[in-house]
């Protein structure tokens, strides 16, 4: 009976230790300090300016799953209260600043914006969002909205290294397209904020 008790106690201890170590996978990395990310982003902007020979302006903020992203645009593309319709989006992941994708609205009435989930862009007949996570992203774009005789289409892309790879294309009814209108609906629901470059 004593041996059986010792065996049960040993087994329970092994299970207990396994449970403790199972909460921290071997490939898990600690959070990167915010100042390290900010420095990496400053260095990336300086590198881009040196390569392009033009003054850039940039902003970083939490987006997607909460990780900070970098949004960069040409100083000459900024208008109004620090708004722009075109920018490149980057994210610090795996120890480097990765280019995710370029985003663009079709006119100054649709400045680039963001929600907790994504970067938003829009236009008279288009609306879209770029969701970013771990150095990659997904881009959702509605096209042919409110154009008589044309069927609205929802396109979904994988976004990484500035490349967009089409994953799916789905025809929608005008009512479905309106319900998917990421840009207009986010502002109507007071979830969106215009990206401000200072």
Protein backbone atom coordinates (compact mmCIF):
# COMPACT_ATOMS: atom_id res chain seq x y z
CA UNK A 1 0.00 0.00 0.00
CA UNK A 2 2.91 2.33 0.83
CA UNK A 3 4.44 1.73 -2.64
CA UNK A 4 1.10 2.46 -4.32
CA UNK A 5 0.78 5.74 -2.40
CA UNK A 6 4.34 6.79 -3.40
CA UNK A 7 3.60 5.93 -7.03
CA UNK A 8 0.35 7.97 -7.03
CA UNK A 9 2.13 10.91 -5.37
CA UNK A 10 4.96 10.76 -7.97
CA UNK A 11 2.48 10.61 -10.85
CA UNK A 12 0.55 13.57 -9.44
CA UNK A 13 3.78 15.58 -9.13
CA UNK A 14 4.74 14.81 -12.76
CA UNK A 15 1.30 15.91 -13.99
CA UNK A 16 1.56 19.05 -11.90
CA UNK A 17 4.99 19.96 -13.30
CA UNK A 18 3.86 19.27 -16.86
CA UNK A 19 0.87 21.57 -16.39
CA UNK A 20 3.12 24.37 -15.11
CA UNK A 21 5.63 24.15 -17.95
CA UNK A 22 2.84 23.70 -20.51
CA UNK A 23 1.69 27.29 -19.96
CA UNK A 24 4.89 28.74 -21.47
CA UNK A 25 5.69 27.29 -24.91
CA UNK A 26 9.39 27.13 -25.79
CA UNK A 27 8.96 29.49 -28.77
CA UNK A 28 7.11 32.19 -26.80
CA UNK A 29 8.94 35.51 -26.80
CA UNK A 30 8.54 38.25 -24.20
CA UNK A 31 6.86 41.53 -25.16
CA UNK A 32 9.17 43.98 -26.90
CA UNK A 33 9.56 47.26 -24.97
CA UNK A 34 7.68 50.20 -26.52
CA UNK A 35 10.84 52.33 -26.73
CA UNK A 36 12.59 49.59 -28.73
CA UNK A 37 9.71 49.53 -31.22
CA UNK A 38 9.68 53.36 -31.45
CA UNK A 39 13.44 53.40 -32.13
CA UNK A 40 13.08 50.70 -34.80
CA UNK A 41 10.32 52.76 -36.44
CA UNK A 42 12.40 55.96 -36.37
CA UNK A 43 15.29 54.09 -37.96
CA UNK A 44 13.00 52.70 -40.68
CA UNK A 45 11.66 56.18 -41.52
CA UNK A 46 15.24 57.55 -41.70
CA UNK A 47 16.19 54.66 -44.00
CA UNK A 48 13.18 55.30 -46.25
CA UNK A 49 13.93 59.04 -46.42
CA UNK A 50 17.55 58.38 -47.35
CA UNK A 51 16.48 55.94 -50.08
CA UNK A 52 13.70 58.12 -51.51
CA UNK A 53 15.18 61.58 -51.03
CA UNK A 54 11.87 62.99 -49.78
CA UNK A 55 10.72 64.10 -46.33
CA UNK A 56 8.31 61.62 -44.78
CA UNK A 57 5.89 61.95 -41.92
CA UNK A 58 4.77 59.06 -39.75
CA UNK A 59 2.65 57.96 -36.84
CA UNK A 60 2.51 54.82 -34.73
CA UNK A 61 -0.49 53.51 -32.84
CA UNK A 62 -2.06 50.23 -31.66
CA UNK A 63 -4.09 48.48 -34.33
CA UNK A 64 -5.26 45.00 -35.22
CA UNK A 65 -4.61 42.86 -32.15
CA UNK A 66 -3.10 45.75 -30.19
CA UNK A 67 0.42 45.65 -31.58
CA UNK A 68 1.79 49.01 -32.64
CA UNK A 69 1.96 49.67 -36.35
CA UNK A 70 3.82 52.34 -38.31
CA UNK A 71 2.01 54.37 -40.97
CA UNK A 72 4.26 56.44 -43.27
CA UNK A 73 3.36 58.99 -45.93
CA UNK A 74 5.11 61.74 -47.90
CA UNK A 75 5.02 65.11 -46.21
CA UNK A 76 3.78 66.52 -49.54
CA UNK A 77 0.75 64.18 -49.38
CA UNK A 78 -0.53 65.61 -46.08
CA UNK A 79 -3.41 68.10 -46.20
CA UNK A 80 -6.00 69.73 -43.94
CA UNK A 81 -5.52 68.83 -40.28
CA UNK A 82 -2.71 66.36 -40.93
CA UNK A 83 -4.74 63.97 -43.11
CA UNK A 84 -3.65 61.86 -46.07
CA UNK A 85 -5.24 59.50 -48.59
CA UNK A 86 -2.19 57.30 -49.18
CA UNK A 87 0.34 55.63 -46.93
CA UNK A 88 2.55 52.59 -46.40
CA UNK A 89 1.90 50.38 -43.38
CA UNK A 90 4.65 48.58 -41.44
CA UNK A 91 4.85 46.52 -38.28
CA UNK A 92 7.65 45.44 -35.96
CA UNK A 93 7.64 41.62 -35.87
CA UNK A 94 10.29 38.95 -35.44
CA UNK A 95 12.91 41.56 -34.54
CA UNK A 96 12.48 43.72 -37.65
CA UNK A 97 10.19 46.31 -39.20
CA UNK A 98 8.15 44.58 -41.92
CA UNK A 99 6.36 46.29 -44.80
CA UNK A 100 2.77 45.05 -44.83
CA UNK A 101 1.00 46.95 -47.64
CA UNK A 102 0.19 50.31 -49.20
CA UNK A 103 -3.30 51.67 -48.66
CA UNK A 104 -5.06 54.43 -50.58
CA UNK A 105 -8.40 56.21 -50.59
CA UNK A 106 -9.76 57.72 -53.80
CA UNK A 107 -10.23 61.32 -52.68
CA UNK A 108 -9.69 63.84 -49.90
CA UNK A 109 -13.23 63.31 -48.61
CA UNK A 110 -12.00 59.88 -47.45
CA UNK A 111 -8.83 60.41 -45.40
CA UNK A 112 -7.14 57.26 -44.11
CA UNK A 113 -8.57 56.27 -40.75
CA UNK A 114 -8.28 53.53 -38.17
CA UNK A 115 -10.29 51.55 -35.67
CA UNK A 116 -9.14 49.16 -32.95
CA UNK A 117 -9.29 46.48 -35.63
CA UNK A 118 -7.85 47.94 -38.82
CA UNK A 119 -6.61 50.75 -41.05
CA UNK A 120 -9.50 52.05 -43.19
CA UNK A 121 -9.61 53.53 -46.68
CA UNK A 122 -12.53 54.50 -48.91
CA UNK A 123 -14.01 56.31 -51.86
CA UNK A 124 -17.27 56.96 -53.70
CA UNK A 125 -17.55 53.36 -54.91
CA UNK A 126 -15.07 51.51 -52.75
CA UNK A 127 -14.34 50.81 -49.09
CA UNK A 128 -11.76 48.69 -47.39
CA UNK A 129 -9.80 47.75 -44.33
CA UNK A 130 -6.35 46.34 -43.63
CA UNK A 131 -6.11 44.14 -40.55
CA UNK A 132 -2.52 43.70 -39.29
CA UNK A 133 -1.04 41.01 -37.05
CA UNK A 134 2.48 39.61 -36.55
CA UNK A 135 4.05 41.26 -39.61
CA UNK A 136 1.35 40.20 -42.08
CA UNK A 137 -2.19 41.25 -42.77
CA UNK A 138 -5.50 40.72 -44.51
CA UNK A 139 -7.01 43.34 -46.76
CA UNK A 140 -10.75 43.44 -47.42
CA UNK A 141 -11.94 45.63 -50.30
CA UNK A 142 -15.44 46.36 -51.55
CA UNK A 143 -15.59 47.54 -55.15
CA UNK A 144 -18.35 48.66 -57.57
CA UNK A 145 -20.52 49.93 -54.72
CA UNK A 146 -23.52 52.03 -55.76
CA UNK A 147 -22.66 51.94 -59.47
CA UNK A 148 -25.78 51.38 -61.53
CA UNK A 149 -25.65 48.16 -63.50
CA UNK A 150 -22.56 46.83 -61.67
CA UNK A 151 -22.54 44.13 -59.02
CA UNK A 152 -20.65 44.96 -55.83
CA UNK A 153 -17.77 42.59 -55.10
CA UNK A 154 -15.95 41.81 -51.85
CA UNK A 155 -12.30 40.91 -52.43
CA UNK A 156 -10.12 39.42 -49.69
CA UNK A 157 -6.31 39.49 -49.92
CA UNK A 158 -3.38 38.22 -47.90
CA UNK A 159 -0.95 41.11 -47.40
CA UNK A 160 2.77 40.71 -46.72
CA UNK A 161 5.95 42.40 -47.95
CA UNK A 162 3.88 44.83 -49.99
CA UNK A 163 2.36 41.97 -52.00
CA UNK A 164 -1.39 41.39 -52.14
CA UNK A 165 -2.50 37.82 -52.89
CA UNK A 166 -6.18 37.41 -53.75
CA UNK A 167 -7.80 34.81 -51.48
CA UNK A 168 -11.42 35.16 -52.50
CA UNK A 169 -13.84 37.26 -54.54
CA UNK A 170 -17.55 37.27 -53.75
CA UNK A 171 -20.44 39.04 -55.45
CA UNK A 172 -22.80 40.85 -53.08
CA UNK A 173 -26.21 42.45 -53.29
CA UNK A 174 -26.27 46.25 -52.88
CA UNK A 175 -27.77 45.72 -49.40
CA UNK A 176 -24.96 43.37 -48.39
CA UNK A 177 -22.36 45.80 -49.73
CA UNK A 178 -23.87 48.61 -47.65
CA UNK A 179 -23.75 46.45 -44.55
CA UNK A 180 -20.07 45.63 -45.29
CA UNK A 181 -19.12 49.26 -45.96
CA UNK A 182 -16.14 49.30 -43.57
CA UNK A 183 -15.35 52.99 -43.99
CA UNK A 184 -18.78 54.64 -43.73
CA UNK A 185 -20.12 52.24 -41.11
CA UNK A 186 -17.10 52.66 -38.82
CA UNK A 187 -17.64 56.42 -38.72
CA UNK A 188 -21.42 56.03 -38.32
CA UNK A 189 -20.81 53.75 -35.33
CA UNK A 190 -18.20 56.20 -33.97
CA UNK A 191 -15.51 53.51 -34.02
CA UNK A 192 -13.22 55.23 -36.54
CA UNK A 193 -10.72 58.03 -36.15
CA UNK A 194 -8.87 59.82 -38.94
CA UNK A 195 -5.12 59.15 -38.92
CA UNK A 196 -3.48 62.45 -38.01
CA UNK A 197 0.06 63.28 -39.11
CA UNK A 198 1.68 66.21 -37.26
